[in-house]
PDB file of N, CA and C in Angstrom:
ATOM      1  N   UNK A   1      15.712  -8.523   3.290  1.00  0.00           N
ATOM      2  CA  UNK A   1      15.195  -7.175   3.250  1.00  0.00           C
ATOM      3  C   UNK A   1      13.923  -7.111   4.099  1.00  0.00           C
ATOM      4  N   UNK A   2      13.864  -6.159   5.015  1.00  0.00           N
ATOM      5  CA  UNK A   2      12.702  -5.986   5.875  1.00  0.00           C
ATOM      6  C   UNK A   2      11.894  -4.778   5.421  1.00  0.00           C
ATOM      7  N   UNK A   3      10.643  -5.005   5.077  1.00  0.00           N
ATOM      8  CA  UNK A   3       9.746  -3.927   4.674  1.00  0.00           C
ATOM      9  C   UNK A   3       8.789  -3.685   5.831  1.00  0.00           C
ATOM     10  N   UNK A   4       8.697  -2.424   6.278  1.00  0.00           N
ATOM     11  CA  UNK A   4       7.862  -2.086   7.435  1.00  0.00           C
ATOM     12  C   UNK A   4       6.810  -1.062   7.054  1.00  0.00           C
ATOM     13  N   UNK A   5       5.659  -1.152   7.734  1.00  0.00           N
ATOM     14  CA  UNK A   5       4.589  -0.182   7.503  1.00  0.00           C
ATOM     15  C   UNK A   5       4.830   1.069   8.349  1.00  0.00           C
ATOM     16  N   UNK A   6       3.859   1.955   8.418  1.00  0.00           N
ATOM     17  CA  UNK A   6       4.024   3.214   9.145  1.00  0.00           C
ATOM     18  C   UNK A   6       4.189   3.010  10.645  1.00  0.00           C
ATOM     19  N   UNK A   7       3.713   1.894  11.186  1.00  0.00           N
ATOM     20  CA  UNK A   7       3.836   1.603  12.613  1.00  0.00           C
ATOM     21  C   UNK A   7       5.047   0.744  12.945  1.00  0.00           C
ATOM     22  N   UNK A   8       5.789   0.317  11.948  1.00  0.00           N
ATOM     23  CA  UNK A   8       6.968  -0.502  12.180  1.00  0.00           C
ATOM     24  C   UNK A   8       6.714  -1.993  12.124  1.00  0.00           C
ATOM     25  N   UNK A   9       5.508  -2.415  11.751  1.00  0.00           N
ATOM     26  CA  UNK A   9       5.203  -3.841  11.618  1.00  0.00           C
ATOM     27  C   UNK A   9       5.789  -4.361  10.311  1.00  0.00           C
ATOM     28  N   UNK A  10       6.309  -5.578  10.345  1.00  0.00           N
ATOM     29  CA  UNK A  10       6.892  -6.174   9.143  1.00  0.00           C
ATOM     30  C   UNK A  10       5.803  -6.573   8.158  1.00  0.00           C
ATOM     31  N   UNK A  11       6.033  -6.275   6.890  1.00  0.00           N
ATOM     32  CA  UNK A  11       5.119  -6.656   5.821  1.00  0.00           C
ATOM     33  C   UNK A  11       5.737  -7.772   5.000  1.00  0.00           C
ATOM     34  N   UNK A  12       4.883  -8.641   4.443  1.00  0.00           N
ATOM     35  CA  UNK A  12       5.351  -9.698   3.560  1.00  0.00           C
ATOM     36  C   UNK A  12       4.347  -9.862   2.430  1.00  0.00           C
ATOM     37  N   UNK A  13       4.726 -10.597   1.401  1.00  0.00           N
ATOM     38  CA  UNK A  13       3.839 -10.824   0.253  1.00  0.00           C
ATOM     39  C   UNK A  13       2.523 -11.435   0.717  1.00  0.00           C
ATOM     40  N   UNK A  14       1.422 -10.929   0.176  1.00  0.00           N
ATOM     41  CA  UNK A  14       0.110 -11.478   0.484  1.00  0.00           C
ATOM     42  C   UNK A  14      -0.588 -10.835   1.663  1.00  0.00           C
ATOM     43  N   UNK A  15       0.067  -9.918   2.367  1.00  0.00           N
ATOM     44  CA  UNK A  15      -0.561  -9.247   3.506  1.00  0.00           C
ATOM     45  C   UNK A  15      -1.670  -8.312   3.042  1.00  0.00           C
ATOM     46  N   UNK A  16      -2.547  -7.965   3.973  1.00  0.00           N
ATOM     47  CA  UNK A  16      -3.572  -6.953   3.743  1.00  0.00           C
ATOM     48  C   UNK A  16      -3.202  -5.723   4.557  1.00  0.00           C
ATOM     49  N   UNK A  17      -3.456  -4.548   3.978  1.00  0.00           N
ATOM     50  CA  UNK A  17      -3.108  -3.291   4.637  1.00  0.00           C
ATOM     51  C   UNK A  17      -4.265  -2.299   4.501  1.00  0.00           C
ATOM     52  N   UNK A  18      -4.274  -1.307   5.387  1.00  0.00           N
ATOM     53  CA  UNK A  18      -5.224  -0.200   5.345  1.00  0.00           C
ATOM     54  C   UNK A  18      -4.458   1.070   5.025  1.00  0.00           C
ATOM     55  N   UNK A  19      -5.097   1.989   4.304  1.00  0.00           N
ATOM     56  CA  UNK A  19      -4.511   3.307   4.049  1.00  0.00           C
ATOM     57  C   UNK A  19      -4.729   4.184   5.275  1.00  0.00           C
ATOM     58  N   UNK A  20      -3.736   4.995   5.634  1.00  0.00           N
ATOM     59  CA  UNK A  20      -3.872   5.880   6.780  1.00  0.00           C
ATOM     60  C   UNK A  20      -4.093   7.326   6.356  1.00  0.00           C
ATOM     61  N   UNK A  21      -4.165   7.580   5.041  1.00  0.00           N
ATOM     62  CA  UNK A  21      -4.319   8.930   4.525  1.00  0.00           C
ATOM     63  C   UNK A  21      -5.002   8.871   3.163  1.00  0.00           C
ATOM     64  N   UNK A  22      -5.818   9.887   2.835  1.00  0.00           N
ATOM     65  CA  UNK A  22      -6.385   9.972   1.491  1.00  0.00           C
ATOM     66  C   UNK A  22      -5.262  10.217   0.494  1.00  0.00           C
ATOM     67  N   UNK A  23      -5.253   9.460  -0.601  1.00  0.00           N
ATOM     68  CA  UNK A  23      -4.192   9.584  -1.596  1.00  0.00           C
ATOM     69  C   UNK A  23      -4.784   9.830  -2.977  1.00  0.00           C
ATOM     70  N   UNK A  24      -4.254  10.828  -3.683  1.00  0.00           N
ATOM     71  CA  UNK A  24      -4.623  11.070  -5.069  1.00  0.00           C
ATOM     72  C   UNK A  24      -3.665  10.272  -5.949  1.00  0.00           C
ATOM     73  N   UNK A  25      -4.206   9.597  -6.957  1.00  0.00           N
ATOM     74  CA  UNK A  25      -3.399   8.790  -7.857  1.00  0.00           C
ATOM     75  C   UNK A  25      -2.973   9.670  -9.032  1.00  0.00           C
ATOM     76  N   UNK A  26      -1.663   9.761  -9.252  1.00  0.00           N
ATOM     77  CA  UNK A  26      -1.140  10.584 -10.347  1.00  0.00           C
ATOM     78  C   UNK A  26      -1.626  10.056 -11.691  1.00  0.00           C
ATOM     79  N   UNK A  27      -1.997  10.978 -12.579  1.00  0.00           N
ATOM     80  CA  UNK A  27      -2.427  10.598 -13.912  1.00  0.00           C
ATOM     81  C   UNK A  27      -3.829  10.036 -13.974  1.00  0.00           C
ATOM     82  N   UNK A  28      -4.578  10.180 -12.882  1.00  0.00           N
ATOM     83  CA  UNK A  28      -5.923   9.645 -12.825  1.00  0.00           C
ATOM     84  C   UNK A  28      -6.773  10.535 -11.926  1.00  0.00           C
ATOM     85  N   UNK A  29      -8.080  10.428 -12.063  1.00  0.00           N
ATOM     86  CA  UNK A  29      -8.973  11.173 -11.174  1.00  0.00           C
ATOM     87  C   UNK A  29      -9.316  10.354  -9.932  1.00  0.00           C
ATOM     88  N   UNK A  30      -8.706   9.194  -9.802  1.00  0.00           N
ATOM     89  CA  UNK A  30      -8.974   8.280  -8.691  1.00  0.00           C
ATOM     90  C   UNK A  30      -8.390   8.817  -7.390  1.00  0.00           C
ATOM     91  N   UNK A  31      -9.187   8.780  -6.319  1.00  0.00           N
ATOM     92  CA  UNK A  31      -8.728   9.135  -4.982  1.00  0.00           C
ATOM     93  C   UNK A  31      -8.966   7.938  -4.080  1.00  0.00           C
ATOM     94  N   UNK A  32      -7.913   7.473  -3.422  1.00  0.00           N
ATOM     95  CA  UNK A  32      -8.023   6.360  -2.483  1.00  0.00           C
ATOM     96  C   UNK A  32      -8.283   6.935  -1.104  1.00  0.00           C
ATOM     97  N   UNK A  33      -9.387   6.551  -0.487  1.00  0.00           N
ATOM     98  CA  UNK A  33      -9.804   7.112   0.798  1.00  0.00           C
ATOM     99  C   UNK A  33      -9.121   6.427   1.972  1.00  0.00           C
ATOM    100  N   UNK A  34      -8.943   7.190   3.043  1.00  0.00           N
ATOM    101  CA  UNK A  34      -8.351   6.664   4.270  1.00  0.00           C
ATOM    102  C   UNK A  34      -9.197   5.501   4.783  1.00  0.00           C
ATOM    103  N   UNK A  35      -8.544   4.433   5.238  1.00  0.00           N
ATOM    104  CA  UNK A  35      -9.234   3.265   5.771  1.00  0.00           C
ATOM    105  C   UNK A  35      -9.512   2.184   4.750  1.00  0.00           C
ATOM    106  N   UNK A  36      -9.246   2.443   3.472  1.00  0.00           N
ATOM    107  CA  UNK A  36      -9.497   1.446   2.424  1.00  0.00           C
ATOM    108  C   UNK A  36      -8.623   0.223   2.647  1.00  0.00           C
ATOM    109  N   UNK A  37      -9.222  -0.942   2.567  1.00  0.00           N
ATOM    110  CA  UNK A  37      -8.502  -2.202   2.722  1.00  0.00           C
ATOM    111  C   UNK A  37      -7.915  -2.613   1.380  1.00  0.00           C
ATOM    112  N   UNK A  38      -6.640  -2.900   1.372  1.00  0.00           N
ATOM    113  CA  UNK A  38      -5.956  -3.383   0.173  1.00  0.00           C
ATOM    114  C   UNK A  38      -5.412  -4.769   0.497  1.00  0.00           C
ATOM    115  N   UNK A  39      -5.852  -5.754  -0.271  1.00  0.00           N
ATOM    116  CA  UNK A  39      -5.479  -7.145  -0.016  1.00  0.00           C
ATOM    117  C   UNK A  39      -4.377  -7.595  -0.957  1.00  0.00           C
ATOM    118  N   UNK A  40      -3.631  -8.582  -0.521  1.00  0.00           N
ATOM    119  CA  UNK A  40      -2.656  -9.291  -1.354  1.00  0.00           C
ATOM    120  C   UNK A  40      -1.600  -8.362  -1.964  1.00  0.00           C
ATOM    121  N   UNK A  41      -0.852  -7.658  -1.103  1.00  0.00           N
ATOM    122  CA  UNK A  41       0.210  -6.786  -1.593  1.00  0.00           C
ATOM    123  C   UNK A  41       1.399  -7.625  -2.046  1.00  0.00           C
ATOM    124  N   UNK A  42       2.235  -7.029  -2.879  1.00  0.00           N
ATOM    125  CA  UNK A  42       3.462  -7.676  -3.336  1.00  0.00           C
ATOM    126  C   UNK A  42       4.623  -6.740  -3.036  1.00  0.00           C
ATOM    127  N   UNK A  43       5.686  -7.268  -2.477  1.00  0.00           N
ATOM    128  CA  UNK A  43       6.866  -6.464  -2.183  1.00  0.00           C
ATOM    129  C   UNK A  43       7.645  -6.197  -3.463  1.00  0.00           C
ATOM    130  N   UNK A  44       8.315  -5.041  -3.512  1.00  0.00           N
ATOM    131  CA  UNK A  44       9.138  -4.677  -4.658  1.00  0.00           C
ATOM    132  C   UNK A  44      10.601  -4.676  -4.236  1.00  0.00           C
ATOM    133  N   UNK A  45      11.486  -4.291  -5.153  1.00  0.00           N
ATOM    134  CA  UNK A  45      12.914  -4.210  -4.830  1.00  0.00           C
ATOM    135  C   UNK A  45      13.217  -3.043  -3.907  1.00  0.00           C
ATOM    136  N   UNK A  46      12.335  -2.063  -3.854  1.00  0.00           N
ATOM    137  CA  UNK A  46      12.504  -0.886  -2.999  1.00  0.00           C
ATOM    138  C   UNK A  46      11.796  -1.149  -1.670  1.00  0.00           C
ATOM    139  N   UNK A  47      12.474  -0.926  -0.539  1.00  0.00           N
ATOM    140  CA  UNK A  47      11.872  -1.215   0.765  1.00  0.00           C
ATOM    141  C   UNK A  47      10.805  -0.195   1.154  1.00  0.00           C
ATOM    142  N   UNK A  48      10.699   0.915   0.436  1.00  0.00           N
ATOM    143  CA  UNK A  48       9.703   1.941   0.741  1.00  0.00           C
ATOM    144  C   UNK A  48       8.458   1.843  -0.121  1.00  0.00           C
ATOM    145  N   UNK A  49       8.337   0.816  -0.973  1.00  0.00           N
ATOM    146  CA  UNK A  49       7.208   0.708  -1.883  1.00  0.00           C
ATOM    147  C   UNK A  49       6.676  -0.723  -1.942  1.00  0.00           C
ATOM    148  N   UNK A  50       5.350  -0.823  -2.145  1.00  0.00           N
ATOM    149  CA  UNK A  50       4.709  -2.117  -2.377  1.00  0.00           C
ATOM    150  C   UNK A  50       3.822  -2.001  -3.607  1.00  0.00           C
ATOM    151  N   UNK A  51       3.630  -3.104  -4.305  1.00  0.00           N
ATOM    152  CA  UNK A  51       2.789  -3.158  -5.489  1.00  0.00           C
ATOM    153  C   UNK A  51       1.471  -3.802  -5.085  1.00  0.00           C
ATOM    154  N   UNK A  52       0.358  -3.252  -5.590  1.00  0.00           N
ATOM    155  CA  UNK A  52      -0.943  -3.822  -5.253  1.00  0.00           C
ATOM    156  C   UNK A  52      -1.933  -3.554  -6.372  1.00  0.00           C
ATOM    157  N   UNK A  53      -3.082  -4.193  -6.262  1.00  0.00           N
ATOM    158  CA  UNK A  53      -4.144  -4.010  -7.245  1.00  0.00           C
ATOM    159  C   UNK A  53      -5.326  -3.367  -6.526  1.00  0.00           C
ATOM    160  N   UNK A  54      -5.725  -2.173  -7.022  1.00  0.00           N
ATOM    161  CA  UNK A  54      -6.826  -1.430  -6.408  1.00  0.00           C
ATOM    162  C   UNK A  54      -7.828  -1.065  -7.498  1.00  0.00           C
ATOM    163  N   UNK A  55      -9.059  -1.488  -7.318  1.00  0.00           N
ATOM    164  CA  UNK A  55     -10.140  -1.179  -8.262  1.00  0.00           C
ATOM    165  C   UNK A  55      -9.757  -1.501  -9.710  1.00  0.00           C
ATOM    166  N   UNK A  56      -9.075  -2.604  -9.935  1.00  0.00           N
ATOM    167  CA  UNK A  56      -8.720  -3.044 -11.274  1.00  0.00           C
ATOM    168  C   UNK A  56      -7.454  -2.447 -11.843  1.00  0.00           C
ATOM    169  N   UNK A  57      -6.749  -1.622 -11.082  1.00  0.00           N
ATOM    170  CA  UNK A  57      -5.512  -0.996 -11.552  1.00  0.00           C
ATOM    171  C   UNK A  57      -4.338  -1.423 -10.674  1.00  0.00           C
ATOM    172  N   UNK A  58      -3.188  -1.668 -11.298  1.00  0.00           N
ATOM    173  CA  UNK A  58      -1.977  -1.947 -10.535  1.00  0.00           C
ATOM    174  C   UNK A  58      -1.371  -0.629 -10.096  1.00  0.00           C
ATOM    175  N   UNK A  59      -1.112  -0.493  -8.796  1.00  0.00           N
ATOM    176  CA  UNK A  59      -0.606   0.753  -8.223  1.00  0.00           C
ATOM    177  C   UNK A  59       0.548   0.431  -7.290  1.00  0.00           C
ATOM    178  N   UNK A  60       1.546   1.307  -7.286  1.00  0.00           N
ATOM    179  CA  UNK A  60       2.652   1.204  -6.337  1.00  0.00           C
ATOM    180  C   UNK A  60       2.416   2.237  -5.248  1.00  0.00           C
ATOM    181  N   UNK A  61       2.408   1.782  -3.988  1.00  0.00           N
ATOM    182  CA  UNK A  61       2.151   2.665  -2.859  1.00  0.00           C
ATOM    183  C   UNK A  61       3.361   2.737  -1.941  1.00  0.00           C
ATOM    184  N   UNK A  62       3.565   3.884  -1.319  1.00  0.00           N
ATOM    185  CA  UNK A  62       4.619   4.060  -0.329  1.00  0.00           C
ATOM    186  C   UNK A  62       4.182   3.413   0.982  1.00  0.00           C
ATOM    187  N   UNK A  63       5.103   2.757   1.649  1.00  0.00           N
ATOM    188  CA  UNK A  63       4.769   2.071   2.896  1.00  0.00           C
ATOM    189  C   UNK A  63       4.465   3.035   4.039  1.00  0.00           C
ATOM    190  N   UNK A  64       4.883   4.292   3.931  1.00  0.00           N
ATOM    191  CA  UNK A  64       4.614   5.267   5.000  1.00  0.00           C
ATOM    192  C   UNK A  64       3.125   5.624   5.084  1.00  0.00           C
ATOM    193  N   UNK A  65       2.321   5.234   4.072  1.00  0.00           N
ATOM    194  CA  UNK A  65       0.883   5.511   4.075  1.00  0.00           C
ATOM    195  C   UNK A  65       0.070   4.259   4.362  1.00  0.00           C
ATOM    196  N   UNK A  66       0.719   3.170   4.791  1.00  0.00           N
ATOM    197  CA  UNK A  66       0.040   1.900   4.996  1.00  0.00           C
ATOM    198  C   UNK A  66       0.126   1.435   6.447  1.00  0.00           C
ATOM    199  N   UNK A  67      -0.922   0.718   6.887  1.00  0.00           N
ATOM    200  CA  UNK A  67      -0.945   0.105   8.212  1.00  0.00           C
ATOM    201  C   UNK A  67      -1.376  -1.348   8.037  1.00  0.00           C
ATOM    202  N   UNK A  68      -0.615  -2.269   8.591  1.00  0.00           N
ATOM    203  CA  UNK A  68      -0.924  -3.691   8.449  1.00  0.00           C
ATOM    204  C   UNK A  68      -2.255  -4.015   9.135  1.00  0.00           C
ATOM    205  N   UNK A  69      -3.062  -4.853   8.469  1.00  0.00           N
ATOM    206  CA  UNK A  69      -4.372  -5.249   9.012  1.00  0.00           C
ATOM    207  C   UNK A  69      -4.244  -6.416   9.955  1.00  0.00           C
TER     208      UNK A  69
END
């Protein structure tokens, strides 16, 4: 299974990514700002989503909002 970021670069477990858009987190007042570095992502069973830890919370993000660092 090939997981790609918004630019088409291949992602793998442990990669670091940057957000390309401000994102509001559902069920929370947390807003993730564009350019935020997210380290140590984990791939999921879905090729359009990755699991990561941001500010102490586990969050699933869509790969269309990520750019490989």
